[in-house]
Amino acid sequence: MTLRSRGRTIDVAAGQSILDAVQAAGIDAQPGCRSGTCGTCAVKVLGGIPDHRDSALGDSEREQAGLICICVSRARSAELIVDL
């Protein structure tokens, strides 16, 4: 995964949330509920195909606004680029 704003690329293991991978890499990302229900951790997707596993975002927020809740979501594509 590429964190565009930070100019960093980090690996996200299978079964690992984006948030867990980001925090393991030492990046300060603010979690809220950690269950995908509050939307606090939503960030903009700039490239790739997200695998949405949250219940906080509606279809318009996912598709039109291009957001992903990193506390529970993953990537469907080999590469995901987010604005973090």
N, C-alpha and C. Protein backbone atom coordinates (compact mmCIF):
# COMPACT_ATOMS: atom_id res chain seq x y z
N MET A 1 0.83 -1.15 0.00
CA MET A 1 0.00 0.00 0.00
C MET A 1 0.88 1.23 0.00
N THR A 2 0.45 2.23 -0.74
CA THR A 2 1.18 3.49 -0.80
C THR A 2 0.42 4.56 -0.03
N LEU A 3 1.13 5.25 0.84
CA LEU A 3 0.58 6.37 1.57
C LEU A 3 1.08 7.62 0.86
N ARG A 4 0.28 8.14 -0.03
CA ARG A 4 0.72 9.21 -0.93
C ARG A 4 1.21 10.44 -0.17
N SER A 5 0.49 10.91 0.82
CA SER A 5 0.86 12.15 1.53
C SER A 5 2.19 12.02 2.25
N ARG A 6 2.54 10.80 2.64
CA ARG A 6 3.78 10.57 3.38
C ARG A 6 4.90 10.06 2.48
N GLY A 7 4.56 9.71 1.26
CA GLY A 7 5.57 9.19 0.35
C GLY A 7 6.14 7.86 0.80
N ARG A 8 5.32 7.04 1.44
CA ARG A 8 5.78 5.75 1.96
C ARG A 8 4.95 4.62 1.39
N THR A 9 5.59 3.48 1.29
CA THR A 9 4.90 2.25 0.90
C THR A 9 5.07 1.27 2.04
N ILE A 10 3.98 0.63 2.44
CA ILE A 10 4.04 -0.36 3.50
C ILE A 10 3.33 -1.63 3.04
N ASP A 11 3.75 -2.74 3.61
CA ASP A 11 3.12 -4.02 3.31
C ASP A 11 1.97 -4.25 4.28
N VAL A 12 0.88 -4.78 3.74
CA VAL A 12 -0.26 -5.17 4.56
C VAL A 12 -0.43 -6.67 4.38
N ALA A 13 -0.25 -7.40 5.46
CA ALA A 13 -0.33 -8.86 5.40
C ALA A 13 -1.78 -9.32 5.23
N ALA A 14 -1.93 -10.51 4.67
CA ALA A 14 -3.27 -11.10 4.57
C ALA A 14 -3.86 -11.21 5.96
N GLY A 15 -5.10 -10.83 6.10
CA GLY A 15 -5.75 -10.89 7.39
C GLY A 15 -5.46 -9.70 8.30
N GLN A 16 -4.67 -8.75 7.82
CA GLN A 16 -4.31 -7.58 8.62
C GLN A 16 -5.09 -6.37 8.08
N SER A 17 -5.60 -5.54 8.98
CA SER A 17 -6.28 -4.33 8.52
C SER A 17 -5.24 -3.31 8.07
N ILE A 18 -5.68 -2.38 7.27
CA ILE A 18 -4.80 -1.31 6.83
C ILE A 18 -4.32 -0.52 8.04
N LEU A 19 -5.22 -0.23 8.97
CA LEU A 19 -4.86 0.52 10.17
C LEU A 19 -3.77 -0.18 10.96
N ASP A 20 -3.89 -1.49 11.16
CA ASP A 20 -2.88 -2.23 11.91
C ASP A 20 -1.52 -2.16 11.22
N ALA A 21 -1.51 -2.27 9.89
CA ALA A 21 -0.25 -2.21 9.15
C ALA A 21 0.37 -0.82 9.24
N VAL A 22 -0.45 0.20 9.14
CA VAL A 22 0.03 1.58 9.22
C VAL A 22 0.62 1.86 10.60
N GLN A 23 -0.08 1.45 11.64
CA GLN A 23 0.42 1.68 13.00
C GLN A 23 1.67 0.86 13.27
N ALA A 24 1.75 -0.36 12.75
CA ALA A 24 2.95 -1.18 12.92
C ALA A 24 4.17 -0.55 12.26
N ALA A 25 3.92 0.25 11.21
CA ALA A 25 5.00 0.95 10.51
C ALA A 25 5.37 2.25 11.22
N GLY A 26 4.73 2.53 12.36
CA GLY A 26 5.07 3.71 13.14
C GLY A 26 4.37 4.99 12.71
N ILE A 27 3.31 4.84 11.95
CA ILE A 27 2.58 6.01 11.47
C ILE A 27 1.38 6.25 12.38
N ASP A 28 1.24 7.50 12.78
CA ASP A 28 0.14 7.87 13.67
C ASP A 28 -1.14 7.99 12.86
N ALA A 29 -2.01 7.01 13.00
CA ALA A 29 -3.33 7.04 12.37
C ALA A 29 -4.35 6.86 13.48
N GLN A 30 -5.32 7.74 13.51
CA GLN A 30 -6.28 7.75 14.61
C GLN A 30 -7.40 6.75 14.40
N PRO A 31 -7.45 5.73 15.23
CA PRO A 31 -8.58 4.80 15.16
C PRO A 31 -9.75 5.36 15.96
N GLY A 32 -10.91 4.96 15.61
CA GLY A 32 -12.09 5.30 16.41
C GLY A 32 -12.59 4.03 17.06
N CYS A 33 -13.52 3.41 16.42
CA CYS A 33 -14.17 2.23 16.98
C CYS A 33 -13.40 0.93 16.75
N ARG A 34 -12.57 0.87 15.73
CA ARG A 34 -11.85 -0.34 15.30
C ARG A 34 -12.78 -1.46 14.86
N SER A 35 -14.05 -1.12 14.60
CA SER A 35 -15.00 -2.13 14.14
C SER A 35 -15.73 -1.70 12.87
N GLY A 36 -15.35 -0.56 12.31
CA GLY A 36 -15.94 -0.10 11.06
C GLY A 36 -17.32 0.51 11.19
N THR A 37 -17.66 0.99 12.38
CA THR A 37 -19.00 1.54 12.58
C THR A 37 -19.04 3.05 12.75
N CYS A 38 -17.90 3.71 12.98
CA CYS A 38 -17.97 5.15 13.27
C CYS A 38 -17.48 6.04 12.12
N GLY A 39 -16.58 5.58 11.27
CA GLY A 39 -16.08 6.36 10.15
C GLY A 39 -14.94 7.31 10.49
N THR A 40 -14.47 7.31 11.73
CA THR A 40 -13.40 8.21 12.15
C THR A 40 -12.12 8.02 11.33
N CYS A 41 -11.83 6.81 10.94
CA CYS A 41 -10.57 6.50 10.26
C CYS A 41 -10.67 6.58 8.73
N ALA A 42 -11.77 7.08 8.20
CA ALA A 42 -11.96 7.13 6.75
C ALA A 42 -10.91 8.01 6.08
N VAL A 43 -10.32 7.50 5.01
CA VAL A 43 -9.35 8.23 4.21
C VAL A 43 -9.72 8.09 2.74
N LYS A 44 -9.18 8.97 1.93
CA LYS A 44 -9.44 8.99 0.49
C LYS A 44 -8.61 7.94 -0.23
N VAL A 45 -9.26 7.18 -1.10
CA VAL A 45 -8.57 6.21 -1.96
C VAL A 45 -8.19 6.92 -3.25
N LEU A 46 -6.91 6.88 -3.59
CA LEU A 46 -6.41 7.56 -4.79
C LEU A 46 -6.14 6.59 -5.94
N GLY A 47 -6.04 5.31 -5.63
CA GLY A 47 -5.78 4.31 -6.65
C GLY A 47 -5.96 2.92 -6.10
N GLY A 48 -6.27 1.99 -6.96
CA GLY A 48 -6.48 0.61 -6.55
C GLY A 48 -7.95 0.34 -6.26
N ILE A 49 -8.22 -0.90 -5.86
CA ILE A 49 -9.60 -1.33 -5.60
C ILE A 49 -9.73 -1.71 -4.13
N PRO A 50 -10.52 -0.95 -3.37
CA PRO A 50 -10.71 -1.24 -1.95
C PRO A 50 -11.68 -2.40 -1.72
N ASP A 51 -11.50 -3.07 -0.61
CA ASP A 51 -12.41 -4.11 -0.14
C ASP A 51 -13.06 -3.56 1.12
N HIS A 52 -14.21 -2.93 0.96
CA HIS A 52 -14.90 -2.28 2.07
C HIS A 52 -15.50 -3.32 3.01
N ARG A 53 -15.14 -3.22 4.28
CA ARG A 53 -15.67 -4.15 5.29
C ARG A 53 -16.32 -3.40 6.45
N ASP A 54 -16.59 -2.12 6.23
CA ASP A 54 -17.19 -1.29 7.28
C ASP A 54 -18.70 -1.21 7.09
N SER A 55 -19.36 -0.69 8.11
CA SER A 55 -20.79 -0.40 8.01
C SER A 55 -21.05 1.10 8.20
N ALA A 56 -19.99 1.88 8.32
CA ALA A 56 -20.13 3.32 8.56
C ALA A 56 -20.37 4.11 7.29
N LEU A 57 -19.74 3.73 6.20
CA LEU A 57 -19.84 4.49 4.96
C LEU A 57 -20.97 3.98 4.08
N GLY A 58 -21.67 4.92 3.46
CA GLY A 58 -22.70 4.57 2.49
C GLY A 58 -22.08 4.43 1.11
N ASP A 59 -22.89 3.98 0.17
CA ASP A 59 -22.40 3.79 -1.19
C ASP A 59 -21.84 5.08 -1.79
N SER A 60 -22.49 6.21 -1.54
CA SER A 60 -22.01 7.46 -2.12
C SER A 60 -20.67 7.87 -1.53
N GLU A 61 -20.47 7.61 -0.25
CA GLU A 61 -19.18 7.94 0.37
C GLU A 61 -18.08 7.03 -0.16
N ARG A 62 -18.42 5.79 -0.42
CA ARG A 62 -17.43 4.84 -0.95
C ARG A 62 -17.11 5.11 -2.41
N GLU A 63 -18.15 5.28 -3.21
CA GLU A 63 -17.96 5.40 -4.66
C GLU A 63 -17.69 6.82 -5.13
N GLN A 64 -18.52 7.76 -4.73
CA GLN A 64 -18.36 9.13 -5.22
C GLN A 64 -17.26 9.88 -4.48
N ALA A 65 -17.23 9.77 -3.15
CA ALA A 65 -16.20 10.46 -2.37
C ALA A 65 -14.90 9.66 -2.35
N GLY A 66 -14.97 8.36 -2.65
CA GLY A 66 -13.77 7.54 -2.71
C GLY A 66 -13.12 7.28 -1.37
N LEU A 67 -13.93 7.09 -0.33
CA LEU A 67 -13.40 6.88 1.02
C LEU A 67 -13.33 5.41 1.38
N ILE A 68 -12.44 5.10 2.33
CA ILE A 68 -12.30 3.76 2.87
C ILE A 68 -12.03 3.88 4.37
N CYS A 69 -12.67 3.03 5.15
CA CYS A 69 -12.41 2.97 6.59
C CYS A 69 -11.26 1.98 6.81
N ILE A 70 -10.10 2.50 7.18
CA ILE A 70 -8.91 1.66 7.25
C ILE A 70 -8.86 0.74 8.46
N CYS A 71 -9.77 0.92 9.41
CA CYS A 71 -9.71 0.08 10.62
C CYS A 71 -10.12 -1.37 10.35
N VAL A 72 -10.93 -1.59 9.33
CA VAL A 72 -11.38 -2.96 9.04
C VAL A 72 -11.21 -3.35 7.57
N SER A 73 -11.02 -2.39 6.70
CA SER A 73 -11.01 -2.67 5.26
C SER A 73 -9.65 -3.14 4.76
N ARG A 74 -9.68 -3.68 3.56
CA ARG A 74 -8.50 -4.24 2.93
C ARG A 74 -8.44 -3.74 1.48
N ALA A 75 -7.55 -4.32 0.69
CA ALA A 75 -7.46 -4.01 -0.74
C ALA A 75 -7.83 -5.25 -1.54
N ARG A 76 -8.56 -5.05 -2.61
CA ARG A 76 -8.86 -6.15 -3.54
C ARG A 76 -7.77 -6.23 -4.61
N SER A 77 -7.12 -5.13 -4.87
CA SER A 77 -6.06 -5.07 -5.87
C SER A 77 -4.70 -5.25 -5.19
N ALA A 78 -3.70 -5.54 -5.98
CA ALA A 78 -2.35 -5.73 -5.45
C ALA A 78 -1.79 -4.45 -4.85
N GLU A 79 -2.24 -3.32 -5.35
CA GLU A 79 -1.76 -2.02 -4.88
C GLU A 79 -2.96 -1.15 -4.51
N LEU A 80 -2.84 -0.47 -3.39
CA LEU A 80 -3.86 0.50 -2.97
C LEU A 80 -3.12 1.77 -2.59
N ILE A 81 -3.58 2.88 -3.10
CA ILE A 81 -2.97 4.17 -2.80
C ILE A 81 -3.99 5.00 -2.05
N VAL A 82 -3.60 5.47 -0.87
CA VAL A 82 -4.51 6.27 -0.04
C VAL A 82 -3.86 7.60 0.30
N ASP A 83 -4.70 8.56 0.66
CA ASP A 83 -4.23 9.88 1.04
C ASP A 83 -4.07 9.91 2.55
N LEU A 84 -2.95 9.42 3.00
CA LEU A 84 -2.66 9.36 4.44
C LEU A 84 -1.21 9.71 4.66
